[in-house]
Protein backbone atom coordinates (compact mmCIF):
# COMPACT_ATOMS: atom_id res chain seq x y z
CA MET A 1 108.68 100.15 84.11
CA ARG A 2 105.47 102.02 84.69
CA VAL A 3 103.65 101.90 88.03
CA GLU A 4 99.97 102.82 87.67
CA TYR A 5 97.70 103.83 90.53
CA ASP A 6 95.05 106.44 91.29
CA ARG A 7 96.99 109.66 91.89
CA SER A 8 93.88 111.80 92.35
CA GLU A 9 93.16 110.59 95.88
CA PHE A 10 95.29 109.54 98.81
CA ARG A 11 94.29 105.93 99.42
CA PHE A 12 96.01 102.70 100.46
CA ALA A 13 96.75 101.90 96.80
CA THR A 14 98.38 105.33 96.48
CA ILE A 15 100.76 104.56 99.34
CA ILE A 16 101.64 101.18 97.82
CA GLY A 17 102.02 102.68 94.32
CA ARG A 18 104.36 105.44 95.48
CA THR A 19 106.43 102.96 97.47
CA LEU A 20 106.73 100.65 94.45
CA GLU A 21 107.81 103.52 92.20
CA GLU A 22 110.77 104.11 94.51
CA LYS A 23 111.57 100.48 95.28
CA LEU A 24 111.48 99.27 91.64
CA LYS A 25 114.12 101.72 90.41
CA GLY A 26 116.97 99.61 89.09
CA LYS A 27 114.93 96.41 89.44
CA GLU A 28 112.82 96.77 86.31
CA ASP A 29 114.12 93.56 84.68
CA ALA A 30 113.29 91.50 87.76
CA ALA A 31 109.82 93.05 87.98
CA ARG A 32 109.11 92.29 84.29
CA LYS A 33 109.74 88.60 84.93
CA ILE A 34 107.03 88.42 87.58
CA ARG A 35 103.52 87.51 86.46
CA GLY A 36 100.56 87.49 88.77
CA SER A 37 99.03 89.54 91.55
CA ILE A 38 99.28 89.96 95.28
CA THR A 39 96.90 91.57 97.74
CA LEU A 40 98.35 93.53 100.65
CA GLU A 41 95.95 93.66 103.57
CA CYS A 42 96.44 96.10 106.42
CA ARG A 43 94.29 94.60 109.14
CA ASP A 44 94.35 97.41 111.70
CA LEU A 45 93.39 100.02 109.08
CA GLU A 46 90.96 97.61 107.39
CA LYS A 47 92.45 98.44 103.97
CA ARG A 48 93.48 96.30 101.00
CA ALA A 49 95.34 96.99 97.79
CA THR A 50 96.22 94.56 95.02
CA VAL A 51 99.38 94.75 92.93
CA PHE A 52 99.18 93.30 89.41
CA PHE A 53 102.42 92.55 87.55
CA GLU A 54 101.74 92.87 83.82
CA GLY A 55 105.03 92.89 81.93
CA ASP A 56 106.18 96.49 81.47
CA ARG A 57 103.71 97.83 83.98
CA VAL A 58 102.65 97.31 87.55
CA VAL A 59 99.07 98.25 88.39
CA VAL A 60 97.96 98.96 91.96
CA ARG A 61 94.26 99.08 92.81
CA ASP A 62 92.37 99.40 96.05
CA GLY A 63 90.62 96.22 97.14
CA GLY A 64 91.39 92.52 97.13
CA GLY A 65 91.39 89.79 94.54
CA GLY A 66 95.07 88.93 94.24
CA GLU A 67 96.32 85.41 93.62
CA SER A 68 98.53 85.73 96.70
CA LEU A 69 98.04 87.55 100.01
CA ILE A 70 100.17 89.28 102.61
CA SER A 71 98.09 90.26 105.64
CA ALA A 72 99.40 92.10 108.71
CA ASP A 73 99.05 95.25 110.78
CA PHE A 74 100.48 98.53 109.45
CA GLN A 75 103.63 98.36 111.57
CA THR A 76 104.48 94.86 110.31
CA LEU A 77 103.78 95.74 106.65
CA ASN A 78 105.97 98.81 107.01
CA ALA A 79 108.83 96.77 108.50
CA LEU A 80 108.55 94.20 105.69
CA THR A 81 108.49 96.91 103.03
CA PHE A 82 111.60 98.64 104.27
CA GLY A 83 113.65 95.50 104.94
CA ARG A 84 113.64 95.66 108.72
CA VAL A 85 112.57 92.03 109.08
CA GLY A 86 114.72 89.08 108.02
CA MET A 87 113.62 85.52 107.30
CA LEU A 88 113.74 84.48 110.96
CA GLY A 89 111.66 87.51 111.88
CA ILE A 90 109.12 86.64 109.18
CA LEU A 91 108.83 83.12 110.57
CA LYS A 92 108.27 84.49 114.09
CA LEU A 93 105.59 86.88 112.79
CA ILE A 94 103.81 84.04 110.99
CA LEU A 95 103.93 81.77 114.05
CA SER A 96 102.62 84.56 116.28
CA GLY A 97 99.71 85.26 113.89
CA ARG A 98 100.78 88.86 113.22
CA LEU A 99 101.60 87.96 109.60
CA LYS A 100 99.59 85.77 107.26
CA ILE A 101 100.84 84.78 103.82
CA ASN A 102 99.01 82.83 101.15
CA GLY A 103 101.15 82.08 98.12
CA MET A 104 104.54 82.08 99.83
CA LEU A 105 106.66 81.79 96.65
CA PHE A 106 105.02 84.80 95.01
CA ALA A 107 105.16 86.75 98.28
CA MET A 108 108.91 86.10 98.54
CA LYS A 109 109.48 87.33 94.97
CA PHE A 110 107.50 90.44 95.80
CA ARG A 111 109.47 91.03 99.00
CA LYS A 112 112.76 90.64 97.14
CA LEU A 113 111.74 93.50 94.83
CA LEU A 114 111.17 95.72 97.85
CA ASN A 115 114.58 95.14 99.41
């Protein structure tokens, strides 16, 4: 499984790409089964990166355009990425407005890869 992102600059896509390289170790088969894209939006930093699942590779690019969306502040995205928020916590974040998700099924597949 190859994770591709711009390594020449330190950008939001770089952070996401490096995180995915670590998190996908041992989960390559599950990642290969996913098709589609998801945009991660960090509202307080005003940054977006989109993750494209393309078979044997995952491509991360700065900017939007994903079929699904996870939008939150940096602290919430970080907690989601490192498994510090369970399903009940996710529901509370959504109801409070701190977390927005479009394309819930794809977002849950993506989250499962990260945990």
